[in-house]
C-alpha atoms as a PDB file:
ATOM      1  CA  MET A   1       0.000   0.000   0.000  1.00  0.00           C
ATOM      2  CA  ASN A   2       1.468   3.375  -0.931  1.00  0.00           C
ATOM      3  CA  ASP A   3       1.591   6.461   1.323  1.00  0.00           C
ATOM      4  CA  ALA A   4      -1.356   8.125  -0.428  1.00  0.00           C
ATOM      5  CA  ALA A   5      -3.544   5.131   0.357  1.00  0.00           C
ATOM      6  CA  ARG A   6      -2.607   5.310   4.059  1.00  0.00           C
ATOM      7  CA  ASP A   7      -3.188   9.080   4.279  1.00  0.00           C
ATOM      8  CA  LYS A   8      -6.734  10.113   4.899  1.00  0.00           C
ATOM      9  CA  GLY A   9      -8.115  13.465   3.854  1.00  0.00           C
ATOM     10  CA  LEU A  10      -9.464  15.642   6.629  1.00  0.00           C
ATOM     11  CA  THR A  11     -11.350  18.926   6.384  1.00  0.00           C
ATOM     12  CA  ILE A  12     -10.225  21.525   8.905  1.00  0.00           C
ATOM     13  CA  GLN A  13     -11.325  25.082   9.643  1.00  0.00           C
ATOM     14  CA  LEU A  14      -9.017  28.005  10.362  1.00  0.00           C
ATOM     15  CA  LEU A  15     -10.543  31.452  10.951  1.00  0.00           C
ATOM     16  CA  GLY A  16     -13.782  30.265   9.358  1.00  0.00           C
ATOM     17  CA  ARG A  17     -12.166  28.966   6.169  1.00  0.00           C
ATOM     18  CA  GLU A  18     -12.191  25.294   5.271  1.00  0.00           C
ATOM     19  CA  PHE A  19      -9.097  23.456   4.112  1.00  0.00           C
ATOM     20  CA  ARG A  20      -8.727  19.841   3.012  1.00  0.00           C
ATOM     21  CA  VAL A  21      -5.478  18.334   4.293  1.00  0.00           C
ATOM     22  CA  ALA A  22      -3.861  14.915   4.203  1.00  0.00           C
ATOM     23  CA  CYS A  23      -3.636  13.120   7.520  1.00  0.00           C
ATOM     24  CA  PRO A  24      -1.991   9.762   8.225  1.00  0.00           C
ATOM     25  CA  GLU A  25      -4.468   7.198   9.473  1.00  0.00           C
ATOM     26  CA  GLY A  26      -4.651   7.163  13.258  1.00  0.00           C
ATOM     27  CA  GLU A  27      -3.370  10.744  13.653  1.00  0.00           C
ATOM     28  CA  GLU A  28      -6.696  12.519  13.166  1.00  0.00           C
ATOM     29  CA  MET A  29      -7.107  13.494  16.829  1.00  0.00           C
ATOM     30  CA  GLN A  30      -3.550  14.823  17.008  1.00  0.00           C
ATOM     31  CA  LEU A  31      -4.122  16.898  13.873  1.00  0.00           C
ATOM     32  CA  GLN A  32      -7.421  18.206  15.240  1.00  0.00           C
ATOM     33  CA  SER A  33      -5.678  19.281  18.456  1.00  0.00           C
ATOM     34  CA  SER A  34      -3.071  21.101  16.364  1.00  0.00           C
ATOM     35  CA  VAL A  35      -5.814  22.807  14.354  1.00  0.00           C
ATOM     36  CA  GLU A  36      -7.568  23.938  17.543  1.00  0.00           C
ATOM     37  CA  PHE A  37      -4.309  25.306  18.965  1.00  0.00           C
ATOM     38  CA  LEU A  38      -3.456  27.149  15.746  1.00  0.00           C
ATOM     39  CA  ASN A  39      -6.986  28.496  15.311  1.00  0.00           C
ATOM     40  CA  ARG A  40      -6.989  29.797  18.911  1.00  0.00           C
ATOM     41  CA  ARG A  41      -3.616  31.509  18.432  1.00  0.00           C
ATOM     42  CA  MET A  42      -4.692  33.043  15.114  1.00  0.00           C
ATOM     43  CA  LYS A  43      -7.927  34.374  16.657  1.00  0.00           C
ATOM     44  CA  GLU A  44      -5.966  35.904  19.547  1.00  0.00           C
ATOM     45  CA  LEU A  45      -3.712  37.742  17.103  1.00  0.00           C
ATOM     46  CA  ARG A  46      -6.643  38.829  14.925  1.00  0.00           C
ATOM     47  CA  ASP A  47      -8.683  40.007  17.902  1.00  0.00           C
ATOM     48  CA  GLY A  48      -5.699  41.994  19.173  1.00  0.00           C
ATOM     49  CA  GLY A  49      -6.309  44.267  16.187  1.00  0.00           C
ATOM     50  CA  LYS A  50      -2.634  44.766  15.273  1.00  0.00           C
ATOM     51  CA  VAL A  51      -2.617  42.449  12.240  1.00  0.00           C
ATOM     52  CA  ALA A  52      -5.195  42.419   9.452  1.00  0.00           C
ATOM     53  CA  GLY A  53      -5.764  39.868   6.705  1.00  0.00           C
ATOM     54  CA  ASN A  54      -5.884  36.113   7.159  1.00  0.00           C
ATOM     55  CA  GLU A  55      -2.627  35.510   5.291  1.00  0.00           C
ATOM     56  CA  ARG A  56      -0.699  37.981   7.468  1.00  0.00           C
ATOM     57  CA  ILE A  57      -2.348  36.570  10.614  1.00  0.00           C
ATOM     58  CA  ALA A  58      -1.293  33.043   9.592  1.00  0.00           C
ATOM     59  CA  ILE A  59       2.293  34.121   8.886  1.00  0.00           C
ATOM     60  CA  MET A  60       2.664  36.138  12.085  1.00  0.00           C
ATOM     61  CA  THR A  61       1.145  33.312  14.151  1.00  0.00           C
ATOM     62  CA  ALA A  62       3.529  30.809  12.573  1.00  0.00           C
ATOM     63  CA  LEU A  63       6.479  33.094  13.339  1.00  0.00           C
ATOM     64  CA  ASN A  64       5.347  33.544  16.945  1.00  0.00           C
ATOM     65  CA  ILE A  65       4.955  29.786  17.462  1.00  0.00           C
ATOM     66  CA  ALA A  66       8.337  29.081  15.830  1.00  0.00           C
ATOM     67  CA  HIS A  67       9.989  31.715  18.018  1.00  0.00           C
ATOM     68  CA  GLU A  68       8.444  30.251  21.195  1.00  0.00           C
ATOM     69  CA  PHE A  69       9.489  26.742  20.168  1.00  0.00           C
ATOM     70  CA  LEU A  70      13.082  27.732  19.448  1.00  0.00           C
ATOM     71  CA  ALA A  71      13.340  29.821  22.615  1.00  0.00           C
ATOM     72  CA  LYS A  72      12.416  26.753  24.707  1.00  0.00           C
ATOM     73  CA  LYS A  73      14.754  24.423  22.817  1.00  0.00           C
ATOM     74  CA  PRO A  74      18.213  24.049  24.376  1.00  0.00           C
ATOM     75  CA  ALA A  75      20.877  25.933  22.437  1.00  0.00           C
ATOM     76  CA  LYS A  76      22.988  22.820  22.070  1.00  0.00           C
ATOM     77  CA  ALA A  77      21.781  19.334  22.757  1.00  0.00           C
ATOM     78  CA  ALA A  78      23.821  17.496  25.346  1.00  0.00           C
ATOM     79  CA  PRO A  79      25.904  14.740  23.843  1.00  0.00           C
ATOM     80  CA  SER A  80      24.432  11.319  24.421  1.00  0.00           C
ATOM     81  CA  VAL A  81      26.411   8.899  26.537  1.00  0.00           C
ATOM     82  CA  ASP A  82      27.067   5.438  25.201  1.00  0.00           C
ATOM     83  CA  ASP A  83      26.957   3.471  28.439  1.00  0.00           C
ATOM     84  CA  ALA A  84      28.939   0.484  27.126  1.00  0.00           C
ATOM     85  CA  ASP A  85      31.650   2.750  25.686  1.00  0.00           C
ATOM     86  CA  PHE A  86      31.727   4.714  28.929  1.00  0.00           C
ATOM     87  CA  GLN A  87      32.231   1.504  30.943  1.00  0.00           C
ATOM     88  CA  ARG A  88      35.035   0.334  28.594  1.00  0.00           C
ATOM     89  CA  ARG A  89      36.853   3.641  28.970  1.00  0.00           C
ATOM     90  CA  ILE A  90      36.591   3.521  32.771  1.00  0.00           C
ATOM     91  CA  ALA A  91      37.927  -0.052  32.800  1.00  0.00           C
ATOM     92  CA  ALA A  92      40.864   0.969  30.562  1.00  0.00           C
ATOM     93  CA  MET A  93      41.678   3.922  32.854  1.00  0.00           C
ATOM     94  CA  GLN A  94      41.522   1.667  35.931  1.00  0.00           C
ATOM     95  CA  GLU A  95      43.876  -0.809  34.285  1.00  0.00           C
ATOM     96  CA  THR A  96      46.305   1.978  33.390  1.00  0.00           C
ATOM     97  CA  LEU A  97      46.205   3.311  36.950  1.00  0.00           C
ATOM     98  CA  ASP A  98      46.686  -0.177  38.416  1.00  0.00           C
ATOM     99  CA  LEU A  99      49.729  -0.765  36.183  1.00  0.00           C
ATOM    100  CA  ALA A 100      51.191   2.647  37.051  1.00  0.00           C
ATOM    101  CA  LEU A 101      50.649   2.110  40.776  1.00  0.00           C
ATOM    102  CA  ALA A 102      52.084  -1.408  40.643  1.00  0.00           C
ATOM    103  CA  ALA A 103      55.211  -0.135  38.855  1.00  0.00           C
ATOM    104  CA  ASP A 104      55.702   2.565  41.515  1.00  0.00           C
ATOM    105  CA  GLN A 105      55.198   0.030  44.325  1.00  0.00           C
ATOM    106  CA  ASP A 106      58.057  -2.103  42.940  1.00  0.00           C
ATOM    107  CA  LYS A 107      60.376   0.929  43.068  1.00  0.00           C
ATOM    108  CA  LEU A 108      59.486   1.674  46.684  1.00  0.00           C
ATOM    109  CA  PHE A 109      60.434  -1.746  48.119  1.00  0.00           C
END
């Protein structure tokens, strides 16, 4: 089955206008939640009276949401730790220390 057959069309409404969009099967509720969030944010911007025209409202809302998303995202993701590699490196360091300490012990006695 190809992707088009798995995607289901869904009609959504934003600021009173209907749009037909593709939606993967099983993700309809998630899409509807996204539509409700976006519609609420667009109405807030429109009702604020500073932006006119649905296209400008949509663009400004998208920019605001993108800005909020990026502001919450960490500047640089922390490197992931490979636990097995980490354990190997610790074991190698312990072995090196043991050898170094053993060599020094021989010199002392």
